[in-house]
Amino acid sequence: MGAAVASLRPQDCPGEDMSSELDETDLRLLGLLQKDGLQSMADLSKAIGVAPSTLNDRVKRLGRLGAISSTRALVDPAALGLDLLAFVFVGWSEAAVETDFLKRIASAEQVLECHHVTGAWNYLLKVRVRDTKALEQFLGSVLKQVKGLQRTETLIVLSSPKETTILSTSG
């Protein structure tokens, strides 16, 4: 794909404010790339109405700004036999627990997302595994190994009527 961009985060470009830098063409481009990231630069330039070289410069700029953080294929979990999706709330009361927890979670391939949350819990994890046996193994070998972790609550997803990675570009 011609629109591949190196993975950059907004903090990698401290002098650039992304929200004030994006114009209508950038937003249209982001929308198109989210729907089909394999489009050629020629097809994208036609759809947006700018020259391919201009479009290429815009895609690179969006990468520098952090508006495009990476490009990758979205793989259907079922194709890999990862049929169980669970959300796990994790809690503790001693602040020192967080460092070990984050270290373990960073290396756990079952964890797709880790969110620091408000309320009664410290973190919310999105976990994808093969089955309940694999979920039990994850809970025992990763979470229960965190010293000071006091409680967890696991929600198993029965179905997902909507799941997307496409963000609104219309504000």
C-alpha atoms as a PDB file:
ATOM      1  CA  MET A   1       0.000   0.000   0.000  1.00  0.00           C
ATOM      2  CA  GLY A   2       1.310   3.423  -0.880  1.00  0.00           C
ATOM      3  CA  ALA A   3      -0.115   5.063   2.254  1.00  0.00           C
ATOM      4  CA  ALA A   4       2.020   3.219   4.801  1.00  0.00           C
ATOM      5  CA  VAL A   5       3.225   5.522   7.560  1.00  0.00           C
ATOM      6  CA  ALA A   6       5.687   4.995  10.379  1.00  0.00           C
ATOM      7  CA  SER A   7       4.102   4.737  13.810  1.00  0.00           C
ATOM      8  CA  LEU A   8       4.337   8.069  15.583  1.00  0.00           C
ATOM      9  CA  ARG A   9       2.528   9.469  18.609  1.00  0.00           C
ATOM     10  CA  PRO A  10       1.502  13.131  19.035  1.00  0.00           C
ATOM     11  CA  GLN A  11       4.028  13.528  21.850  1.00  0.00           C
ATOM     12  CA  ASP A  12       6.774  12.626  19.340  1.00  0.00           C
ATOM     13  CA  CYS A  13       6.059  15.983  17.642  1.00  0.00           C
ATOM     14  CA  PRO A  14       5.722  18.366  20.593  1.00  0.00           C
ATOM     15  CA  GLY A  15       5.748  21.490  18.429  1.00  0.00           C
ATOM     16  CA  GLU A  16       2.741  20.427  16.347  1.00  0.00           C
ATOM     17  CA  ASP A  17      -0.862  20.734  17.610  1.00  0.00           C
ATOM     18  CA  MET A  18      -2.829  18.161  15.664  1.00  0.00           C
ATOM     19  CA  SER A  19      -6.339  19.541  16.162  1.00  0.00           C
ATOM     20  CA  SER A  20      -5.518  22.961  14.732  1.00  0.00           C
ATOM     21  CA  GLU A  21      -3.497  21.481  11.855  1.00  0.00           C
ATOM     22  CA  LEU A  22      -6.164  19.274  10.241  1.00  0.00           C
ATOM     23  CA  ASP A  23      -8.169  20.792   7.393  1.00  0.00           C
ATOM     24  CA  GLU A  24     -11.186  19.390   5.530  1.00  0.00           C
ATOM     25  CA  THR A  25      -8.970  17.534   3.025  1.00  0.00           C
ATOM     26  CA  ASP A  26      -7.040  15.890   5.874  1.00  0.00           C
ATOM     27  CA  LEU A  27     -10.300  14.790   7.484  1.00  0.00           C
ATOM     28  CA  ARG A  28     -11.598  13.330   4.194  1.00  0.00           C
ATOM     29  CA  LEU A  29      -8.285  11.533   3.712  1.00  0.00           C
ATOM     30  CA  LEU A  30      -8.406  10.087   7.239  1.00  0.00           C
ATOM     31  CA  GLY A  31     -11.956   8.890   6.649  1.00  0.00           C
ATOM     32  CA  LEU A  32     -11.001   7.120   3.413  1.00  0.00           C
ATOM     33  CA  LEU A  33      -7.885   5.531   4.902  1.00  0.00           C
ATOM     34  CA  GLN A  34      -9.863   4.199   7.865  1.00  0.00           C
ATOM     35  CA  LYS A  35     -12.394   2.538   5.577  1.00  0.00           C
ATOM     36  CA  ASP A  36      -9.812   1.023   3.234  1.00  0.00           C
ATOM     37  CA  GLY A  37      -6.164   1.508   4.091  1.00  0.00           C
ATOM     38  CA  LEU A  38      -5.058  -0.496   1.048  1.00  0.00           C
ATOM     39  CA  GLN A  39      -6.181   2.100  -1.481  1.00  0.00           C
ATOM     40  CA  SER A  40      -3.457   3.280  -3.815  1.00  0.00           C
ATOM     41  CA  MET A  41      -2.221   6.859  -3.674  1.00  0.00           C
ATOM     42  CA  ALA A  42      -3.611   7.321  -7.198  1.00  0.00           C
ATOM     43  CA  ASP A  43      -7.111   6.226  -6.126  1.00  0.00           C
ATOM     44  CA  LEU A  44      -6.978   8.364  -2.987  1.00  0.00           C
ATOM     45  CA  SER A  45      -5.786  11.422  -4.906  1.00  0.00           C
ATOM     46  CA  LYS A  46      -8.699  11.042  -7.364  1.00  0.00           C
ATOM     47  CA  ALA A  47     -11.223  10.655  -4.538  1.00  0.00           C
ATOM     48  CA  ILE A  48      -9.965  13.762  -2.757  1.00  0.00           C
ATOM     49  CA  GLY A  49      -9.091  15.823  -5.824  1.00  0.00           C
ATOM     50  CA  VAL A  50      -5.417  16.530  -5.168  1.00  0.00           C
ATOM     51  CA  ALA A  51      -2.264  15.489  -7.016  1.00  0.00           C
ATOM     52  CA  PRO A  52      -0.670  12.191  -5.886  1.00  0.00           C
ATOM     53  CA  SER A  53       2.487  13.999  -4.750  1.00  0.00           C
ATOM     54  CA  THR A  54       0.398  16.395  -2.643  1.00  0.00           C
ATOM     55  CA  LEU A  55      -1.537  13.465  -1.200  1.00  0.00           C
ATOM     56  CA  ASN A  56       1.679  11.638  -0.361  1.00  0.00           C
ATOM     57  CA  ASP A  57       2.957  14.736   1.461  1.00  0.00           C
ATOM     58  CA  ARG A  58      -0.340  14.976   3.384  1.00  0.00           C
ATOM     59  CA  VAL A  59      -0.185  11.323   4.473  1.00  0.00           C
ATOM     60  CA  LYS A  60       3.392  11.783   5.700  1.00  0.00           C
ATOM     61  CA  ARG A  61       2.374  14.957   7.553  1.00  0.00           C
ATOM     62  CA  LEU A  62      -0.574  13.160   9.179  1.00  0.00           C
ATOM     63  CA  GLY A  63       1.898  10.540  10.383  1.00  0.00           C
ATOM     64  CA  ARG A  64       4.222  13.197  11.834  1.00  0.00           C
ATOM     65  CA  LEU A  65       1.270  14.842  13.592  1.00  0.00           C
ATOM     66  CA  GLY A  66       0.182  11.524  15.072  1.00  0.00           C
ATOM     67  CA  ALA A  67      -3.211  11.604  13.324  1.00  0.00           C
ATOM     68  CA  ILE A  68      -2.179   8.312  11.687  1.00  0.00           C
ATOM     69  CA  SER A  69      -0.480   6.279  14.368  1.00  0.00           C
ATOM     70  CA  SER A  70       0.187   3.167  12.271  1.00  0.00           C
ATOM     71  CA  THR A  71      -1.051   1.042   9.414  1.00  0.00           C
ATOM     72  CA  ARG A  72      -1.845  -2.637   9.810  1.00  0.00           C
ATOM     73  CA  ALA A  73      -4.270  -5.365   8.798  1.00  0.00           C
ATOM     74  CA  LEU A  74      -7.301  -6.006  10.997  1.00  0.00           C
ATOM     75  CA  VAL A  75      -7.369  -9.776  11.476  1.00  0.00           C
ATOM     76  CA  ASP A  76     -10.625 -11.577  12.297  1.00  0.00           C
ATOM     77  CA  PRO A  77     -10.035 -13.204  15.725  1.00  0.00           C
ATOM     78  CA  ALA A  78     -12.051 -16.264  14.656  1.00  0.00           C
ATOM     79  CA  ALA A  79      -9.515 -16.909  11.872  1.00  0.00           C
ATOM     80  CA  LEU A  80      -6.937 -17.479  14.626  1.00  0.00           C
ATOM     81  CA  GLY A  81      -9.286 -19.448  16.873  1.00  0.00           C
ATOM     82  CA  LEU A  82      -9.506 -16.596  19.386  1.00  0.00           C
ATOM     83  CA  ASP A  83     -13.237 -16.952  19.992  1.00  0.00           C
ATOM     84  CA  LEU A  84     -13.529 -15.621  23.542  1.00  0.00           C
ATOM     85  CA  LEU A  85     -13.549 -11.889  24.247  1.00  0.00           C
ATOM     86  CA  ALA A  86     -13.573 -10.732  27.860  1.00  0.00           C
ATOM     87  CA  PHE A  87     -13.305  -7.480  29.749  1.00  0.00           C
ATOM     88  CA  VAL A  88     -11.499  -7.678  33.069  1.00  0.00           C
ATOM     89  CA  PHE A  89     -11.724  -5.017  35.765  1.00  0.00           C
ATOM     90  CA  VAL A  90      -8.647  -4.956  38.019  1.00  0.00           C
ATOM     91  CA  GLY A  91      -8.300  -3.269  41.397  1.00  0.00           C
ATOM     92  CA  TRP A  92      -5.903  -2.637  44.277  1.00  0.00           C
ATOM     93  CA  SER A  93      -5.424  -0.026  46.952  1.00  0.00           C
ATOM     94  CA  GLU A  94      -1.624   0.295  47.163  1.00  0.00           C
ATOM     95  CA  ALA A  95      -0.119   2.540  44.462  1.00  0.00           C
ATOM     96  CA  ALA A  96       3.051   0.417  44.320  1.00  0.00           C
ATOM     97  CA  VAL A  97       1.086  -2.399  42.636  1.00  0.00           C
ATOM     98  CA  GLU A  98       0.693  -0.416  39.420  1.00  0.00           C
ATOM     99  CA  THR A  99       4.296  -0.752  38.222  1.00  0.00           C
ATOM    100  CA  ASP A 100       4.339  -4.573  38.374  1.00  0.00           C
ATOM    101  CA  PHE A 101       0.822  -4.754  36.922  1.00  0.00           C
ATOM    102  CA  LEU A 102       1.697  -2.576  33.913  1.00  0.00           C
ATOM    103  CA  LYS A 103       4.909  -4.521  33.299  1.00  0.00           C
ATOM    104  CA  ARG A 104       3.050  -7.848  33.237  1.00  0.00           C
ATOM    105  CA  ILE A 105       0.229  -6.512  31.076  1.00  0.00           C
ATOM    106  CA  ALA A 106       2.642  -5.020  28.533  1.00  0.00           C
ATOM    107  CA  SER A 107       4.076  -8.476  27.818  1.00  0.00           C
ATOM    108  CA  ALA A 108       0.738 -10.352  27.852  1.00  0.00           C
ATOM    109  CA  GLU A 109      -0.295 -10.999  24.249  1.00  0.00           C
ATOM    110  CA  GLN A 110      -3.849 -11.804  25.361  1.00  0.00           C
ATOM    111  CA  VAL A 111      -4.394  -8.183  26.400  1.00  0.00           C
ATOM    112  CA  LEU A 112      -5.556  -6.107  23.436  1.00  0.00           C
ATOM    113  CA  GLU A 113      -6.267  -2.941  25.411  1.00  0.00           C
ATOM    114  CA  CYS A 114      -5.499  -1.641  28.892  1.00  0.00           C
ATOM    115  CA  HIS A 115      -7.355   1.418  30.176  1.00  0.00           C
ATOM    116  CA  HIS A 116      -6.793   3.380  33.394  1.00  0.00           C
ATOM    117  CA  VAL A 117     -10.344   4.103  34.586  1.00  0.00           C
ATOM    118  CA  THR A 118     -12.264   6.047  37.204  1.00  0.00           C
ATOM    119  CA  GLY A 119     -14.597   4.522  39.762  1.00  0.00           C
ATOM    120  CA  ALA A 120     -14.147   1.429  41.899  1.00  0.00           C
ATOM    121  CA  TRP A 121     -11.516  -0.130  39.634  1.00  0.00           C
ATOM    122  CA  ASN A 122      -7.993   0.864  38.664  1.00  0.00           C
ATOM    123  CA  TYR A 123      -7.859  -0.609  35.162  1.00  0.00           C
ATOM    124  CA  LEU A 124     -10.055  -2.238  32.524  1.00  0.00           C
ATOM    125  CA  LEU A 125      -8.532  -4.843  30.207  1.00  0.00           C
ATOM    126  CA  LYS A 126      -9.819  -6.109  26.871  1.00  0.00           C
ATOM    127  CA  VAL A 127      -8.658  -9.717  26.598  1.00  0.00           C
ATOM    128  CA  ARG A 128      -8.926 -12.087  23.623  1.00  0.00           C
ATOM    129  CA  VAL A 129      -8.260 -15.838  24.070  1.00  0.00           C
ATOM    130  CA  ARG A 130      -9.333 -19.195  22.586  1.00  0.00           C
ATOM    131  CA  ASP A 131     -11.754 -20.341  25.270  1.00  0.00           C
ATOM    132  CA  THR A 132     -12.601 -20.264  28.987  1.00  0.00           C
ATOM    133  CA  LYS A 133      -9.684 -22.584  29.794  1.00  0.00           C
ATOM    134  CA  ALA A 134      -7.286 -20.093  28.162  1.00  0.00           C
ATOM    135  CA  LEU A 135      -8.972 -17.234  30.041  1.00  0.00           C
ATOM    136  CA  GLU A 136      -8.513 -19.076  33.333  1.00  0.00           C
ATOM    137  CA  GLN A 137      -4.860 -19.692  32.458  1.00  0.00           C
ATOM    138  CA  PHE A 138      -4.357 -15.979  31.681  1.00  0.00           C
ATOM    139  CA  LEU A 139      -5.974 -14.920  34.957  1.00  0.00           C
ATOM    140  CA  GLY A 140      -3.774 -17.332  36.917  1.00  0.00           C
ATOM    141  CA  SER A 141      -0.474 -16.847  35.140  1.00  0.00           C
ATOM    142  CA  VAL A 142      -0.642 -13.084  34.602  1.00  0.00           C
ATOM    143  CA  LEU A 143      -3.039 -11.280  36.927  1.00  0.00           C
ATOM    144  CA  LYS A 144      -2.816 -13.487  40.013  1.00  0.00           C
ATOM    145  CA  GLN A 145       0.970 -13.137  39.859  1.00  0.00           C
ATOM    146  CA  VAL A 146       0.764  -9.399  40.539  1.00  0.00           C
ATOM    147  CA  LYS A 147       1.589  -8.943  44.208  1.00  0.00           C
ATOM    148  CA  GLY A 148      -0.937  -6.696  45.917  1.00  0.00           C
ATOM    149  CA  LEU A 149      -3.653  -7.083  43.296  1.00  0.00           C
ATOM    150  CA  GLN A 150      -6.787  -7.356  45.407  1.00  0.00           C
ATOM    151  CA  ARG A 151      -9.695  -8.047  43.105  1.00  0.00           C
ATOM    152  CA  THR A 152     -10.822  -8.642  39.556  1.00  0.00           C
ATOM    153  CA  GLU A 153     -14.157  -8.905  37.817  1.00  0.00           C
ATOM    154  CA  THR A 154     -14.380 -10.657  34.465  1.00  0.00           C
ATOM    155  CA  LEU A 155     -17.156 -10.087  31.942  1.00  0.00           C
ATOM    156  CA  ILE A 156     -17.379 -12.567  29.069  1.00  0.00           C
ATOM    157  CA  VAL A 157     -18.750 -11.120  25.837  1.00  0.00           C
ATOM    158  CA  LEU A 158     -21.598 -13.155  24.338  1.00  0.00           C
ATOM    159  CA  SER A 159     -21.789 -11.178  21.090  1.00  0.00           C
ATOM    160  CA  SER A 160     -20.635  -7.865  19.665  1.00  0.00           C
ATOM    161  CA  PRO A 161     -23.376  -6.190  17.595  1.00  0.00           C
ATOM    162  CA  LYS A 162     -20.971  -3.314  16.905  1.00  0.00           C
ATOM    163  CA  GLU A 163     -17.212  -3.225  17.057  1.00  0.00           C
ATOM    164  CA  THR A 164     -15.215  -0.744  15.013  1.00  0.00           C
ATOM    165  CA  THR A 165     -11.887   1.013  14.806  1.00  0.00           C
ATOM    166  CA  ILE A 166     -13.230   3.764  12.540  1.00  0.00           C
ATOM    167  CA  LEU A 167     -13.290   7.185  14.221  1.00  0.00           C
ATOM    168  CA  SER A 168     -15.593   9.963  13.143  1.00  0.00           C
ATOM    169  CA  THR A 169     -13.779  12.618  11.144  1.00  0.00           C
ATOM    170  CA  SER A 170     -16.763  14.987  11.191  1.00  0.00           C
ATOM    171  CA  GLY A 171     -16.190  16.097  14.773  1.00  0.00           C
END
